[in-house]
Amino acid sequence: MSPGRRNHLQLRGRRWYCDLNELLSLRGFDMGQRGRTVAVPNTKRTRWVPGEMGNSRSRAEQRCHSQFLPGEQAEVDALLDTLSLDKGSSEASPRSFSLQALKNRIGEALPPEMVSRLYDGMQRVQPPGRAQGPSKGVSQEQFTVSLSHLLKGSSEERSLMILKMISANEGPVKARELQKFTEDLVGSVEHVLAHRQELKGWTGKKAPGTPTRVQALAAHLLSEMKLPDGSRPLGPHWLDHACDRATVEDWVFRVPHVATFLRVVIHQGFPVLRSSLDLATLVPERQVGPGQELESVLDVLAVIYLNSHLAQEQRHHWRLLFSSQLHGQSFSQLCGHITHQGPCLIVLEDQDGHVFGGFASCPWEVKPQFQGDERCFLFSVSPSMAVYRPTGYNDHFMYLNCGQQTIPNGLGMGGQHHYFGLWVDADFGKGHSKAKPTCTTYNSPQLSSQENFRFDKMEVWAVGDPPESQLVQGKKSILDVDPEARALLEITGQTRHSEGLREAPEDA
């Protein structure tokens, strides 16, 4: 097996690595189209691309070209031609480009700090056979190798580019330098999606308060890192730790958001090879009712984060079921809008600015028993981002009840009666998040600012395609038009006698 390939298991230290991108799905982080091995009849894995250098091409360049299909390589070469012909590259070597040329090309699509990082990282690539030291501009070989590593590379190759984008030194980097890079990366994703008008109806504005959503998501990504001593990055003191290449490589391997965000920056920033990036599962389409406008408590970064924890088939569309801003501060309205609507996300913002909620994997029903399954989870968005999945301790995943005298009336997730991980009281506007030290069902801490909290904003988003019952076109009764009346009927235990007596749809 050729030494340049990484599509095999390799023993490094005491950890097994496999750089096949398809295996990321085993970790539940399928964040879009992954790299694939494409069979090309009657050709070898290393494709020979005709060019000026003929047989003098370096092994690194051949390896780089082997990761691009011929059509893709032609698009990369065309982009290089555009950059090298820019007037800002007049002082650079032939078939190379300057920092100014790169700014002219992507200066509006990406923040200035990311443009500089990309240029520095490319310029620091040292292909075999080239003299050491800084080059005058970014050469064709450096450009192609860099894009290959960032778009189709292994975790080892991507970590190499990340380190070059952070520092000119070959050694380890400080954790605070990696933190700043991660914040720049997350901020660039938000920036370029807004620039390319790919927000799908969500907002990219900065959330108020400290930390920002950019900082919160970056901190979450970094929290998945394992330091050389095996510890996790906790507290401000960890920023002084040195992160070597093995640490960064391990982080990139285990946190697929990093590779996905790098691809978004390159594909959308330049832009180049955009057809190979599936944004549909990264940013879901936002759907609200006709004529309705909503300023959601979720921004695009929070949506991207939560969406990555859903099943693949649930990531394309989010449709609004309930908003306290649109439907009023009413628990019966809440029940009427969310019952029998399929899987959904519940999001609250308390009066202290904490944003949190839960994912209900099963349709809500008004009944005195617990419901749901192990696919449910609780989450926090602000001031920190985290997802808390079931522990297996009990099956108290979901609870929705009203009109009872002996048991709680409200919506809950996790824990037990009067001690929920997340609770919205039937006296709408009140709730609690109790965890001492954590919720038994989800192992979640207190999600709200105060254990007993008040809120003004609550949203419920159905995810994925609507249930078949919602697609049936036919005559509507008053119970269809008035969800509050339907909820009150369910609460009192009455049946809908007209259910099942309607005319069948024409296409049935």
Protein backbone atom coordinates (compact mmCIF):
# COMPACT_ATOMS: atom_id res chain seq x y z
CA MET A 1 0.00 0.00 0.00
CA SER A 2 1.44 3.37 -1.02
CA PRO A 3 2.88 5.44 1.83
CA GLY A 4 0.84 8.51 0.91
CA ARG A 5 -2.56 6.89 1.40
CA ARG A 6 -4.51 7.14 4.65
CA ASN A 7 -7.62 5.14 3.73
CA HIS A 8 -6.60 2.29 5.98
CA LEU A 9 -6.30 1.61 9.67
CA GLN A 10 -3.10 2.93 11.11
CA LEU A 11 -1.80 2.39 14.61
CA ARG A 12 -0.61 5.65 16.14
CA GLY A 13 0.46 5.46 19.76
CA ARG A 14 -2.27 3.56 21.58
CA ARG A 15 -5.20 4.75 19.48
CA TRP A 16 -6.58 3.22 16.31
CA TYR A 17 -7.43 5.73 13.61
CA CYS A 18 -9.46 5.27 10.46
CA ASP A 19 -9.64 8.25 8.17
CA LEU A 20 -12.50 6.94 6.07
CA ASN A 21 -14.98 9.78 6.34
CA GLU A 22 -17.89 7.35 6.05
CA LEU A 23 -17.13 6.04 9.55
CA LEU A 24 -18.07 9.40 11.03
CA SER A 25 -21.67 8.33 10.68
CA LEU A 26 -21.09 5.80 13.46
CA ARG A 27 -20.71 8.76 15.81
CA GLY A 28 -24.03 10.25 14.80
CA PHE A 29 -22.57 13.36 13.18
CA ASP A 30 -23.50 12.98 9.55
CA MET A 31 -23.24 16.70 8.74
CA GLY A 32 -23.61 16.58 5.01
CA GLN A 33 -22.05 14.87 2.05
CA ARG A 34 -18.89 13.08 3.02
CA GLY A 35 -15.83 12.31 0.99
CA ARG A 36 -16.23 9.18 -1.08
CA THR A 37 -13.96 6.87 -2.97
CA VAL A 38 -15.10 6.97 -6.58
CA ALA A 39 -14.30 4.02 -8.82
CA VAL A 40 -12.95 5.04 -12.21
CA PRO A 41 -12.91 2.19 -14.76
CA ASN A 42 -9.59 1.18 -16.24
CA THR A 43 -7.61 3.69 -14.19
CA LYS A 44 -5.35 3.51 -11.21
CA ARG A 45 -6.01 5.33 -7.93
CA THR A 46 -3.30 7.87 -8.77
CA ARG A 47 -4.60 9.80 -11.75
CA TRP A 48 -2.14 11.41 -14.10
CA VAL A 49 -3.21 14.93 -14.96
CA PRO A 50 -1.48 16.38 -18.03
CA GLY A 51 0.29 19.65 -17.42
CA GLU A 52 3.32 21.76 -17.95
CA MET A 53 5.52 19.79 -15.59
CA GLY A 54 5.05 16.44 -17.36
CA ASN A 55 6.81 13.59 -15.57
CA SER A 56 8.55 16.00 -13.22
CA ARG A 57 5.45 16.35 -11.02
CA SER A 58 6.25 15.69 -7.37
CA ARG A 59 4.73 12.78 -5.48
CA ALA A 60 2.82 15.23 -3.27
CA GLU A 61 1.19 16.85 -6.28
CA GLN A 62 0.32 13.46 -7.78
CA ARG A 63 -1.24 12.46 -4.48
CA CYS A 64 -3.12 15.73 -4.39
CA HIS A 65 -4.47 15.29 -7.90
CA SER A 66 -5.53 11.74 -7.06
CA GLN A 67 -8.07 13.23 -4.63
CA PHE A 68 -9.77 15.35 -7.30
CA LEU A 69 -11.77 14.05 -10.19
CA PRO A 70 -10.74 15.48 -13.58
CA GLY A 71 -13.69 17.88 -13.66
CA GLU A 72 -12.96 19.04 -10.14
CA GLN A 73 -9.29 19.60 -10.93
CA ALA A 74 -10.24 21.68 -13.96
CA GLU A 75 -12.37 23.92 -11.71
CA VAL A 76 -9.53 24.28 -9.21
CA ASP A 77 -7.11 25.17 -12.01
CA ALA A 78 -9.53 27.75 -13.39
CA LEU A 79 -9.78 29.35 -9.96
CA LEU A 80 -6.00 29.51 -9.71
CA ASP A 81 -5.85 31.18 -13.14
CA THR A 82 -8.30 33.83 -11.97
CA LEU A 83 -6.26 34.50 -8.83
CA SER A 84 -2.91 34.59 -10.62
CA LEU A 85 -4.21 37.01 -13.27
CA ASP A 86 -5.52 39.43 -10.65
CA LYS A 87 -3.68 42.74 -10.69
CA GLY A 88 -2.85 42.21 -7.03
CA SER A 89 -0.60 39.31 -8.07
CA SER A 90 1.62 41.33 -10.41
CA GLU A 91 4.64 40.92 -8.12
CA ALA A 92 4.10 37.22 -7.49
CA SER A 93 5.70 34.43 -9.48
CA PRO A 94 3.94 33.08 -12.58
CA ARG A 95 1.02 30.77 -11.81
CA SER A 96 0.86 32.07 -8.24
CA PHE A 97 -1.09 34.73 -6.39
CA SER A 98 -0.59 37.27 -3.61
CA LEU A 99 -2.49 38.02 -0.43
CA GLN A 100 -4.01 41.07 -2.07
CA ALA A 101 -5.33 38.95 -4.94
CA LEU A 102 -6.94 36.59 -2.44
CA LYS A 103 -8.50 39.54 -0.61
CA ASN A 104 -9.85 40.85 -3.91
CA ARG A 105 -11.39 37.45 -4.60
CA ILE A 106 -12.90 36.43 -1.23
CA GLY A 107 -12.56 39.56 0.91
CA GLU A 108 -16.33 40.09 1.06
CA ALA A 109 -17.31 36.44 1.44
CA LEU A 110 -15.02 35.74 4.41
CA PRO A 111 -13.83 37.83 7.39
CA PRO A 112 -10.34 39.40 7.02
CA GLU A 113 -8.80 37.19 9.70
CA MET A 114 -9.87 34.01 7.86
CA VAL A 115 -8.59 35.32 4.52
CA SER A 116 -5.18 35.91 6.11
CA ARG A 117 -5.22 32.49 7.78
CA LEU A 118 -5.98 30.75 4.51
CA TYR A 119 -3.21 32.59 2.68
CA ASP A 120 -0.65 31.96 5.43
CA GLY A 121 -1.55 28.29 5.62
CA MET A 122 -1.22 27.80 1.87
CA GLN A 123 2.05 29.69 1.69
CA ARG A 124 3.53 27.56 4.48
CA VAL A 125 2.91 24.30 2.64
CA GLN A 126 6.26 22.84 1.60
CA PRO A 127 5.79 20.28 -1.17
CA PRO A 128 8.61 17.71 -1.51
CA GLY A 129 11.47 18.94 -3.66
CA ARG A 130 10.85 22.60 -2.94
CA ALA A 131 13.33 24.76 -1.07
CA GLN A 132 12.47 25.52 2.55
CA GLY A 133 11.46 29.03 3.51
CA PRO A 134 8.70 31.46 2.58
CA SER A 135 7.67 31.64 -1.05
CA LYS A 136 6.73 34.72 -3.01
CA GLY A 137 2.99 34.22 -3.28
CA VAL A 138 1.05 30.94 -3.23
CA SER A 139 2.11 28.61 -6.03
CA GLN A 140 -0.06 26.27 -8.06
CA GLU A 141 1.28 23.28 -6.14
CA GLN A 142 0.72 24.89 -2.74
CA PHE A 143 -2.80 25.93 -3.70
CA THR A 144 -3.80 22.50 -4.98
CA VAL A 145 -2.29 20.64 -2.02
CA SER A 146 -4.01 23.01 0.41
CA LEU A 147 -7.45 22.63 -1.15
CA SER A 148 -6.97 18.89 -1.37
CA HIS A 149 -6.15 18.63 2.33
CA LEU A 150 -8.95 20.96 3.43
CA LEU A 151 -11.69 19.50 1.25
CA LYS A 152 -10.83 15.82 0.88
CA GLY A 153 -7.99 15.18 3.27
CA SER A 154 -7.74 12.83 6.22
CA SER A 155 -7.82 14.08 9.80
CA GLU A 156 -4.02 14.04 9.69
CA GLU A 157 -3.90 16.22 6.57
CA ARG A 158 -6.56 18.63 7.86
CA SER A 159 -4.79 18.99 11.20
CA LEU A 160 -1.58 19.85 9.32
CA MET A 161 -3.36 22.67 7.49
CA ILE A 162 -4.96 23.94 10.71
CA LEU A 163 -1.57 24.19 12.39
CA LYS A 164 -0.14 26.02 9.39
CA MET A 165 -3.06 28.43 9.47
CA ILE A 166 -2.29 29.15 13.13
CA SER A 167 1.48 29.43 13.24
CA ALA A 168 4.61 29.41 11.07
CA ASN A 169 6.39 27.27 13.64
CA GLU A 170 6.49 23.52 13.18
CA GLY A 171 6.01 22.76 16.87
CA PRO A 172 2.94 22.69 19.14
CA VAL A 173 0.60 25.68 19.45
CA LYS A 174 -0.91 27.14 22.58
CA ALA A 175 -4.47 26.16 23.34
CA ARG A 176 -5.49 29.82 23.31
CA GLU A 177 -4.22 30.04 19.70
CA LEU A 178 -6.36 27.04 18.79
CA GLN A 179 -9.29 28.65 20.58
CA LYS A 180 -8.93 31.82 18.52
CA PHE A 181 -8.71 29.77 15.30
CA THR A 182 -11.89 27.87 16.21
CA GLU A 183 -13.74 31.11 16.92
CA ASP A 184 -12.55 32.49 13.57
CA LEU A 185 -13.70 29.30 11.83
CA VAL A 186 -17.18 29.36 13.41
CA GLY A 187 -17.55 33.08 12.74
CA SER A 188 -16.52 32.54 9.12
CA VAL A 189 -19.22 29.92 8.62
CA GLU A 190 -21.86 32.34 9.87
CA HIS A 191 -20.39 35.15 7.73
CA VAL A 192 -20.15 33.22 4.46
CA LEU A 193 -23.62 31.68 4.76
CA ALA A 194 -25.08 35.15 5.21
CA HIS A 195 -23.02 36.50 2.30
CA ARG A 196 -24.15 33.70 -0.03
CA GLN A 197 -27.75 34.05 1.17
CA GLU A 198 -27.82 30.49 2.47
CA LEU A 199 -29.35 31.18 5.90
CA LYS A 200 -32.64 29.52 4.81
CA GLY A 201 -34.70 32.10 6.72
CA TRP A 202 -32.63 32.03 9.93
CA THR A 203 -30.74 35.02 11.21
CA GLY A 204 -26.98 35.39 11.41
CA LYS A 205 -27.05 38.36 13.76
CA LYS A 206 -24.95 38.35 16.88
CA ALA A 207 -26.82 37.21 19.96
CA PRO A 208 -26.59 39.67 22.85
CA GLY A 209 -24.60 38.94 25.96
CA THR A 210 -21.33 37.22 26.75
CA PRO A 211 -20.26 34.78 25.52
CA THR A 212 -21.56 35.23 21.98
CA ARG A 213 -23.01 32.30 20.05
CA VAL A 214 -19.75 32.12 18.08
CA GLN A 215 -17.77 31.80 21.31
CA ALA A 216 -20.28 29.34 22.77
CA LEU A 217 -20.11 26.99 19.78
CA ALA A 218 -16.32 27.27 19.55
CA ALA A 219 -16.03 26.47 23.26
CA HIS A 220 -18.21 23.41 22.81
CA LEU A 221 -16.11 22.12 19.91
CA LEU A 222 -12.93 22.61 21.93
CA SER A 223 -14.44 20.87 24.96
CA GLU A 224 -14.30 17.63 22.95
CA MET A 225 -10.51 17.80 22.78
CA LYS A 226 -8.30 15.48 24.78
CA LEU A 227 -5.09 17.07 25.98
CA PRO A 228 -1.80 15.12 25.87
CA ASP A 229 -2.21 14.12 29.53
CA GLY A 230 -5.66 12.71 28.79
CA SER A 231 -7.56 15.51 30.51
CA ARG A 232 -10.34 17.63 29.06
CA PRO A 233 -10.01 21.40 28.57
CA LEU A 234 -11.67 22.78 31.70
CA GLY A 235 -11.25 26.23 33.20
CA PRO A 236 -9.14 29.14 31.95
CA HIS A 237 -5.83 27.52 32.93
CA TRP A 238 -6.08 25.01 30.06
CA LEU A 239 -5.45 27.81 27.54
CA ASP A 240 -1.78 27.70 28.50
CA HIS A 241 -1.45 24.04 27.49
CA ALA A 242 0.57 23.16 24.39
CA CYS A 243 -1.37 21.25 21.72
CA ASP A 244 0.84 19.13 19.48
CA ARG A 245 -0.08 17.74 16.09
CA ALA A 246 -1.29 14.41 17.51
CA THR A 247 -3.68 16.25 19.83
CA VAL A 248 -5.08 18.37 17.01
CA GLU A 249 -5.36 15.36 14.71
CA ASP A 250 -7.28 13.43 17.35
CA TRP A 251 -9.60 16.43 17.85
CA VAL A 252 -10.32 16.79 14.12
CA PHE A 253 -10.99 13.06 13.88
CA ARG A 254 -13.50 12.97 16.74
CA VAL A 255 -15.27 16.31 16.09
CA PRO A 256 -16.61 16.21 12.51
CA HIS A 257 -17.97 19.77 12.82
CA VAL A 258 -14.39 20.97 12.28
CA ALA A 259 -14.01 19.28 8.88
CA THR A 260 -17.52 20.32 7.88
CA PHE A 261 -16.91 23.97 8.75
CA LEU A 262 -13.61 23.97 6.85
CA ARG A 263 -15.43 22.66 3.79
CA VAL A 264 -18.14 25.30 4.11
CA VAL A 265 -15.51 28.05 4.28
CA ILE A 266 -13.69 26.80 1.15
CA HIS A 267 -16.69 25.74 -0.95
CA GLN A 268 -18.72 28.86 -0.21
CA GLY A 269 -15.89 31.33 0.33
CA PHE A 270 -14.00 31.11 -2.97
CA PRO A 271 -16.47 29.66 -4.23
CA VAL A 272 -15.28 26.37 -5.66
CA LEU A 273 -16.73 22.87 -6.11
CA ARG A 274 -19.96 24.02 -4.47
CA SER A 275 -21.97 21.17 -5.96
CA SER A 276 -20.17 18.69 -3.68
CA LEU A 277 -21.34 20.49 -0.51
CA ASP A 278 -24.79 19.49 0.74
CA LEU A 279 -26.08 22.47 2.71
CA ALA A 280 -29.56 20.98 2.98
CA THR A 281 -28.61 18.88 6.00
CA LEU A 282 -26.44 21.60 7.53
CA VAL A 283 -28.99 24.43 7.62
CA PRO A 284 -32.66 23.35 7.55
CA GLU A 285 -35.29 25.30 5.66
CA ARG A 286 -37.21 27.52 8.09
CA GLN A 287 -40.99 27.42 7.63
CA VAL A 288 -43.52 29.62 9.43
CA GLY A 289 -47.17 30.18 8.69
CA PRO A 290 -48.30 32.27 5.71
CA GLY A 291 -48.07 35.96 6.46
CA GLN A 292 -46.33 35.35 9.79
CA GLU A 293 -43.02 36.85 10.79
CA LEU A 294 -40.96 35.59 13.69
CA GLU A 295 -37.70 36.71 15.22
CA SER A 296 -36.61 33.37 16.63
CA VAL A 297 -34.59 32.95 19.80
CA LEU A 298 -32.35 30.66 17.72
CA ASP A 299 -29.73 32.04 15.33
CA VAL A 300 -28.19 30.06 12.49
CA LEU A 301 -25.27 28.74 14.58
CA ALA A 302 -27.61 27.36 17.24
CA VAL A 303 -29.74 25.79 14.50
CA ILE A 304 -26.68 24.19 12.85
CA TYR A 305 -25.58 22.79 16.21
CA LEU A 306 -28.98 21.34 17.16
CA ASN A 307 -29.64 20.08 13.63
CA SER A 308 -26.45 18.01 13.69
CA HIS A 309 -27.88 15.97 16.59
CA LEU A 310 -31.04 14.98 14.72
CA ALA A 311 -31.58 11.97 12.49
CA GLN A 312 -30.64 12.48 8.86
CA GLU A 313 -34.24 12.51 7.64
CA GLN A 314 -35.16 15.26 10.13
CA ARG A 315 -32.54 17.82 9.08
CA HIS A 316 -33.98 19.33 5.91
CA HIS A 317 -37.03 21.21 7.19
CA TRP A 318 -38.06 22.88 10.44
CA ARG A 319 -41.62 24.21 10.61
CA LEU A 320 -42.99 26.35 13.39
CA LEU A 321 -45.75 24.74 15.45
CA PHE A 322 -46.01 27.23 18.29
CA SER A 323 -44.57 30.57 19.30
CA SER A 324 -45.63 32.51 22.39
CA GLN A 325 -44.97 35.66 20.36
CA LEU A 326 -47.48 34.63 17.67
CA HIS A 327 -49.97 32.38 19.45
CA GLY A 328 -50.03 34.00 22.88
CA GLN A 329 -49.14 33.05 26.43
CA SER A 330 -51.52 30.12 26.63
CA PHE A 331 -50.88 26.54 27.69
CA SER A 332 -54.00 25.25 25.93
CA GLN A 333 -52.82 26.94 22.73
CA LEU A 334 -49.45 25.23 23.20
CA CYS A 335 -51.08 21.82 23.58
CA GLY A 336 -53.36 22.40 20.62
CA HIS A 337 -50.51 23.31 18.31
CA ILE A 338 -47.95 20.63 19.23
CA THR A 339 -49.95 17.42 19.81
CA HIS A 340 -49.84 14.73 17.11
CA GLN A 341 -47.37 16.75 15.01
CA GLY A 342 -44.40 14.40 14.99
CA PRO A 343 -40.89 14.94 16.43
CA CYS A 344 -40.17 18.50 17.53
CA LEU A 345 -37.76 20.79 19.36
CA ILE A 346 -38.97 22.88 22.30
CA VAL A 347 -36.97 26.06 22.92
CA LEU A 348 -37.31 28.54 25.79
CA GLU A 349 -35.56 31.76 26.71
CA ASP A 350 -35.85 32.67 30.39
CA GLN A 351 -35.92 36.23 31.66
CA ASP A 352 -32.17 36.11 32.36
CA GLY A 353 -31.33 35.27 28.74
CA HIS A 354 -30.58 31.56 29.11
CA VAL A 355 -31.75 29.59 26.04
CA PHE A 356 -32.44 25.86 26.43
CA GLY A 357 -34.97 23.15 25.65
CA GLY A 358 -35.53 19.58 24.61
CA PHE A 359 -36.07 17.31 21.64
CA ALA A 360 -39.22 15.18 21.67
CA SER A 361 -38.69 12.19 19.39
CA CYS A 362 -42.32 11.10 19.44
CA PRO A 363 -45.57 13.02 18.85
CA TRP A 364 -46.86 14.75 21.97
CA GLU A 365 -50.07 13.41 23.53
CA VAL A 366 -52.03 14.87 26.43
CA LYS A 367 -52.11 12.06 28.99
CA PRO A 368 -51.02 11.42 32.59
CA GLN A 369 -48.31 8.89 31.66
CA PHE A 370 -44.72 9.45 30.58
CA GLN A 371 -44.05 9.02 26.86
CA GLY A 372 -41.17 9.18 24.36
CA ASP A 373 -38.07 7.04 23.91
CA GLU A 374 -34.29 7.07 24.17
CA ARG A 375 -33.92 9.33 21.12
CA CYS A 376 -35.08 12.32 23.18
CA PHE A 377 -32.55 14.75 24.64
CA LEU A 378 -32.26 18.03 26.52
CA PHE A 379 -29.99 20.84 25.39
CA SER A 380 -28.55 24.23 26.21
CA VAL A 381 -27.80 26.95 23.67
CA SER A 382 -26.88 29.96 25.81
CA PRO A 383 -24.71 30.78 27.68
CA SER A 384 -23.16 27.44 26.67
CA MET A 385 -23.95 24.81 24.06
CA ALA A 386 -24.43 21.19 25.06
CA VAL A 387 -26.69 18.19 24.41
CA TYR A 388 -27.69 15.77 27.15
CA ARG A 389 -28.87 12.31 26.13
CA PRO A 390 -30.68 9.65 28.18
CA THR A 391 -28.77 7.78 30.85
CA GLY A 392 -30.99 4.68 30.88
CA TYR A 393 -31.84 5.26 34.55
CA ASN A 394 -35.57 5.61 33.79
CA ASP A 395 -37.96 6.23 30.88
CA HIS A 396 -39.28 9.64 31.95
CA PHE A 397 -38.51 11.17 28.57
CA MET A 398 -41.66 13.26 27.91
CA TYR A 399 -44.74 14.30 29.87
CA LEU A 400 -47.74 16.42 28.88
CA ASN A 401 -50.83 16.71 31.03
CA CYS A 402 -53.54 19.17 32.04
CA GLY A 403 -56.77 19.31 34.04
CA GLN A 404 -55.68 16.87 36.77
CA GLN A 405 -55.92 17.53 40.50
CA THR A 406 -53.53 14.93 41.90
CA ILE A 407 -50.64 14.99 39.43
CA PRO A 408 -48.71 17.90 37.84
CA ASN A 409 -50.28 19.83 34.97
CA GLY A 410 -47.76 21.00 32.40
CA LEU A 411 -45.05 19.87 29.99
CA GLY A 412 -41.97 18.12 31.30
CA MET A 413 -38.90 16.24 30.18
CA GLY A 414 -36.70 14.12 32.44
CA GLY A 415 -36.61 13.60 36.19
CA GLN A 416 -39.88 12.99 37.99
CA HIS A 417 -43.04 14.72 39.11
CA HIS A 418 -42.30 18.11 40.71
CA TYR A 419 -38.60 17.60 39.92
CA PHE A 420 -38.19 17.74 36.14
CA GLY A 421 -35.04 18.40 34.16
CA LEU A 422 -37.22 20.77 32.12
CA TRP A 423 -40.72 21.84 33.16
CA VAL A 424 -43.23 24.28 31.65
CA ASP A 425 -46.13 24.81 34.01
CA ALA A 426 -49.76 24.91 32.90
CA ASP A 427 -49.72 28.35 34.52
CA PHE A 428 -47.96 29.53 31.37
CA GLY A 429 -44.83 31.62 31.82
CA LYS A 430 -43.49 29.62 34.75
CA GLY A 431 -41.17 26.65 34.81
CA HIS A 432 -38.31 24.90 36.58
CA SER A 433 -35.12 23.01 35.80
CA LYS A 434 -34.10 20.94 38.80
CA ALA A 435 -30.88 18.99 38.93
CA LYS A 436 -28.92 18.26 42.09
CA PRO A 437 -26.43 17.54 40.78
CA THR A 438 -27.93 16.31 37.47
CA CYS A 439 -31.24 15.13 36.03
CA THR A 440 -31.60 11.36 36.46
CA THR A 441 -33.07 10.83 32.99
CA TYR A 442 -30.68 12.96 30.91
CA ASN A 443 -27.72 13.67 33.21
CA SER A 444 -28.30 17.36 32.49
CA PRO A 445 -27.39 20.19 34.87
CA GLN A 446 -29.74 23.06 35.68
CA LEU A 447 -30.51 24.56 32.29
CA SER A 448 -32.11 27.83 33.38
CA SER A 449 -30.51 30.74 35.18
CA GLN A 450 -32.64 30.10 38.27
CA GLU A 451 -34.03 26.76 39.36
CA ASN A 452 -37.57 28.19 39.23
CA PHE A 453 -37.69 30.52 36.27
CA ARG A 454 -40.06 32.73 34.33
CA PHE A 455 -40.06 33.06 30.56
CA ASP A 456 -41.71 35.19 27.88
CA LYS A 457 -40.47 33.39 24.77
CA MET A 458 -41.18 29.78 23.86
CA GLU A 459 -41.01 28.13 20.44
CA VAL A 460 -41.76 24.63 19.19
CA TRP A 461 -40.32 23.50 15.85
CA ALA A 462 -41.40 20.30 14.11
CA VAL A 463 -38.45 18.66 12.34
CA GLY A 464 -38.48 16.66 9.14
CA ASP A 465 -41.48 16.03 6.93
CA PRO A 466 -44.93 16.46 8.50
CA PRO A 467 -46.90 13.35 9.52
CA GLU A 468 -49.15 11.86 6.85
CA SER A 469 -52.20 13.03 8.79
CA GLN A 470 -51.09 16.62 8.23
CA LEU A 471 -50.84 16.11 4.48
CA VAL A 472 -54.41 14.89 4.02
CA GLN A 473 -56.51 17.52 2.23
CA GLY A 474 -60.19 17.53 3.14
CA LYS A 475 -62.91 19.35 4.96
CA LYS A 476 -61.96 20.84 8.30
CA SER A 477 -64.05 20.85 11.43
CA ILE A 478 -63.98 23.55 14.07
CA LEU A 479 -61.49 21.36 15.94
CA ASP A 480 -59.07 21.62 13.02
CA VAL A 481 -59.38 25.38 12.84
CA ASP A 482 -59.19 25.97 16.60
CA PRO A 483 -56.27 24.00 18.15
CA GLU A 484 -57.20 25.29 21.60
CA ALA A 485 -60.63 23.67 21.33
CA ARG A 486 -59.01 20.41 20.20
CA ALA A 487 -56.59 20.48 23.15
CA LEU A 488 -59.41 21.11 25.64
CA LEU A 489 -61.30 18.14 24.20
CA GLU A 490 -58.28 15.88 24.69
CA ILE A 491 -57.64 17.24 28.20
CA THR A 492 -61.18 16.34 29.32
CA GLY A 493 -60.86 12.87 27.84
CA GLN A 494 -63.55 13.33 25.19
CA THR A 495 -63.33 11.68 21.79
CA ARG A 496 -63.67 13.31 18.39
CA HIS A 497 -66.80 11.60 17.02
CA SER A 498 -66.28 13.05 13.56
CA GLU A 499 -62.82 11.54 13.31
CA GLY A 500 -62.78 8.83 10.64
CA LEU A 501 -66.09 9.95 9.12
CA ARG A 502 -64.65 12.47 6.69
CA GLU A 503 -64.47 11.98 2.99
CA ALA A 504 -61.40 10.18 1.82
CA PRO A 505 -58.91 12.29 -0.16
CA GLU A 506 -59.17 11.99 -3.91
CA ASP A 507 -55.75 10.38 -4.25
CA ALA A 508 -56.46 7.77 -1.58
